[in-house]
Amino acid sequence: MPAFENSPQEGHASTGIAGLDNVLAGGLPNGHLYLVEGTPGSGKTTLGLQFLLRGRDAGESGVYVTLSETSTELHQVAASHGWNLQGIRVRDLVSDEGLSEDAEQSILHPSEFELGETTRSVMALVESEKPRRIVFDSLSEMRLLAQSPLRYRRQILALKRFFAVRGCTVLMLDDKTAGGDTHLHSIAHGVIHLEQSASDYGPDKRRLRVMKLRGVKFREGEHDFHLDRGGLQVFPRLVAHEHPHDFSSLPQSTGTRQLDELLGGGLVPGSNALFSGPAGTGKTTTAVSCAIQAMKQGRKVAYYLFDEGLGTLGLRCKSLGLDLDAYLASGQLQMRALDPAEVSPGQFAHSVRHAVEQDGCAMVVIDSLNAYLQAMTGGKFLLLQMHELLSYLNMRGVITVSILSQHGVVGDVRSDVDLSYLSDALVQFRYFEANGSLLKAISTIKSRTSAHETTIREFRLGKRGVEIGEALTDFQGVLSGIPRYTGNVPLLGQPTLAVPG
């Protein structure tokens, strides 16, 4: 992951989660009470444990007060992440006696344990331990004991004042079993909302939103996060304008003279090119050829592969004389095969950030946008997040090549989504008919950075990789979607072209 801005500031308590500290603009201001809310399983307990562990590592004492889980269960949760809670006091207000038949409805010790006694027990613990950090899990049990909203609010206010006087930074966890509690939102100094939603396929999607944080300009909006062994990993929403960078905008050669001519000089740093066309027209191979040329010039490349395996792509490239092994071994090429069902948009964006900011990659290839679309919850989110990612890469001076596969072979060829307006250069790959054969053509539809060719050239893949012929004239049916070449310019591999008339 990239080194996040807004690292923990003086007077702020780090949450132990770098991405969340970034969202909070440096952590949680010390000495206040915060609400962490979310449905069961969304990651509240894990977040609370990370908060206490970070404090322990910083030399701050911590207490975990639990009314919903036993101390044994908490230690098991910690062990599942590879953590040891040594040095953190776990106070378990659930007892075996409270769960006996004599206790009837009550789960707390003694059998008729009242809310006031629960509150006094917590206060006594704080007085004796003098912790700097406290996690209270959970407010649902407090709400049940109170039996009335007024009494519940009074007790929370009493605890808030008590903790504030003693300089404690407190996380109160709420599983939202009673729905949204706006009164609690008004009491807390800050509110962090965790959301977990089931997807039609693949793992659940998790997002985080800071609802409020008094006196702090935090990063608004939804932020993807993952809950896995090792705890929560938060991916702050990418904001492109926060990452300006100086760079040279001189065009870089693609390694193929005719393609450079089509593009008006080559690929320009700080711009993105979209390779679009039906399956099998050579979009991926052309992108690999451009990447190899960039690496020959000493630049690093990050290649994100959504459609096929690394082994398949490697074999195909070798057969065309495009061997990637040496670049992979040296680390100059980072090629990552990603499963769109498993990766979230936020995780992908920050993987790209890491490649650019930490590894120094000057070229990024996304193959393909069609598969990336499957990781999103809807087309609107794809366009917004892809726009932000491409804008970020442009501001960093990176050459970006994106691949978009279109449906169909000839005729009405369509895309899942129109991304052409996001691209600085659009390179179109097409099939065409000539002499009874199905051949391939390439052309540049637009370029915002240079005066590009408006011609159509023949394109093919051979043992030497990408081959592009001279400009072809006398095409028929280009606009109808079924181009047919009837000109006299020789095609690739043909010294002469005999066409009647």
Foldseek 3Di string as FASTA:
>chain_A
DDQAPQAADPQAQALLARQVSNLQSHHARWQFEEEEEAAPPLAPLLSQVSSQVSCVVVVFEEEEEAAPDAPVVSQVVQVQLVHDCPRHHYHYQFDPCCVDVVLPPGRGPPSLDALVNVLVVVLVVCVVRVGQEYEYHACVVSVVRQVDPVSSLVSVLVVRVSSNVSGHYYYYYYNCPVPDDVSVVVRGQWYKYKYWADDPDAHIWIWIATPDHPPTPGNGDIWTWDQDRNGIHTQGQFAQVVAFDDDDFQADAQQAVVVCQQQFHHFTFLFEEEEEEAPPLCQVLSVLSSQVSCVVVPAAEEEEAADDDPVVVQVVCVQLVRHCVVCVVVVSYHYYYDHLSHDALSNVLVVVVCCCVVVPHQEYEYHALVRNVSNDPDPVVSQVSVLSSSSNSSSSRHYYYYYFHWPDAFFDTGGPDDPPVSGQWYKYKHWAAEPRDIFIKIHIPHHNPRDGDGFIWTWDGHSNGTDTHDGADQWPCVVRRHIYGQDFDDHPPGPTGDHPD
